[in-house]
Amino acid sequence: MEKLEEVRKVQELILEESRHFLRDENSKIVYCTCSIIPEENILQIAKFCDKHGFRMQDDAYFLTLPQSNGMDGFFSATLVPK
């Protein structure tokens, strides 16, 4: 669990820093991980969105599970300002 917390903190920092690259209110952040762990994905996104006034575009995200179509677990969400 220590390693998960380390990774989660790095992901949080990446999200925080990504805000500085947005040009205007039409800019988007695409957040992706090679993980299905909620702490790295939907919980990370929820915390960021609440803190900075973002939302998931179309209130949706993409998630694959390791057993689906021979793919690894993968998560992706597009974040837009509210």
Protein backbone atom coordinates (compact mmCIF):
# COMPACT_ATOMS: atom_id res chain seq x y z
CA MET A 1 0.00 0.00 0.00
CA GLU A 2 2.94 2.34 0.52
CA LYS A 3 3.86 2.10 -3.15
CA LEU A 4 0.26 2.85 -4.17
CA GLU A 5 0.28 5.99 -2.02
CA GLU A 6 3.58 7.11 -3.59
CA VAL A 7 2.19 6.61 -7.09
CA ARG A 8 -1.07 8.34 -6.18
CA LYS A 9 0.84 11.39 -4.91
CA VAL A 10 2.86 11.60 -8.13
CA GLN A 11 -0.34 11.38 -10.18
CA GLU A 12 -1.89 14.11 -8.04
CA LEU A 13 1.13 16.34 -8.66
CA ILE A 14 0.94 15.72 -12.42
CA LEU A 15 -2.74 16.72 -12.42
CA GLU A 16 -2.00 19.83 -10.36
CA GLU A 17 0.77 20.91 -12.73
CA SER A 18 -1.29 20.19 -15.84
CA ARG A 19 -3.61 23.09 -14.98
CA HIS A 20 -0.81 25.53 -15.80
CA PHE A 21 -0.79 24.39 -19.44
CA LEU A 22 -4.44 25.21 -20.11
CA ARG A 23 -4.80 28.16 -22.48
CA ASP A 24 -8.44 29.11 -21.91
CA GLU A 25 -11.83 27.91 -20.67
CA ASN A 26 -12.13 25.60 -23.70
CA SER A 27 -8.95 23.69 -22.83
CA LYS A 28 -9.12 20.09 -21.60
CA ILE A 29 -7.04 17.74 -19.51
CA VAL A 30 -6.96 14.08 -20.55
CA TYR A 31 -6.03 11.93 -17.56
CA CYS A 32 -4.98 8.33 -18.23
CA THR A 33 -3.55 5.48 -16.18
CA CYS A 34 -2.69 1.85 -16.79
CA SER A 35 -4.61 0.90 -13.68
CA ILE A 36 -8.07 -0.11 -12.51
CA ILE A 37 -7.52 0.95 -8.89
CA PRO A 38 -10.09 3.60 -7.87
CA GLU A 39 -7.54 5.57 -5.77
CA GLU A 40 -5.53 6.18 -8.94
CA ASN A 41 -8.53 6.88 -11.13
CA ILE A 42 -12.03 7.99 -10.28
CA LEU A 43 -11.17 9.01 -6.70
CA GLN A 44 -8.15 10.98 -7.94
CA ILE A 45 -10.31 12.72 -10.55
CA ALA A 46 -13.09 13.48 -8.07
CA LYS A 47 -10.66 15.11 -5.65
CA PHE A 48 -9.06 17.20 -8.40
CA CYS A 49 -12.42 18.29 -9.86
CA ASP A 50 -13.80 19.30 -6.47
CA LYS A 51 -10.66 21.24 -5.59
CA HIS A 52 -10.28 23.11 -8.90
CA GLY A 53 -13.76 23.46 -10.38
CA PHE A 54 -13.48 20.87 -13.13
CA ARG A 55 -15.83 18.10 -14.23
CA MET A 56 -15.58 15.02 -16.40
CA GLN A 57 -16.63 15.80 -19.95
CA ASP A 58 -20.01 14.18 -20.61
CA ASP A 59 -19.85 12.85 -17.01
CA ALA A 60 -18.12 9.77 -18.44
CA TYR A 61 -14.83 7.92 -18.34
CA PHE A 62 -13.27 4.95 -20.16
CA LEU A 63 -12.23 1.83 -18.26
CA THR A 64 -11.01 -1.52 -19.53
CA LEU A 65 -10.56 -4.53 -17.31
CA PRO A 66 -7.70 -7.02 -17.69
CA GLN A 67 -10.07 -9.82 -18.69
CA SER A 68 -11.75 -7.81 -21.47
CA ASN A 69 -10.49 -8.39 -25.01
CA GLY A 70 -7.05 -9.47 -23.84
CA MET A 71 -6.19 -5.90 -22.81
CA ASP A 72 -4.54 -4.59 -19.68
CA GLY A 73 -6.50 -2.46 -17.23
CA PHE A 74 -6.73 1.13 -18.44
CA PHE A 75 -8.54 4.30 -17.33
CA SER A 76 -9.10 7.59 -19.14
CA ALA A 77 -11.18 10.70 -18.43
CA THR A 78 -11.37 14.08 -20.12
CA LEU A 79 -11.60 16.96 -17.65
CA VAL A 80 -13.07 20.35 -18.49
CA PRO A 81 -13.59 23.49 -16.41
CA LYS A 82 -17.12 23.89 -15.00
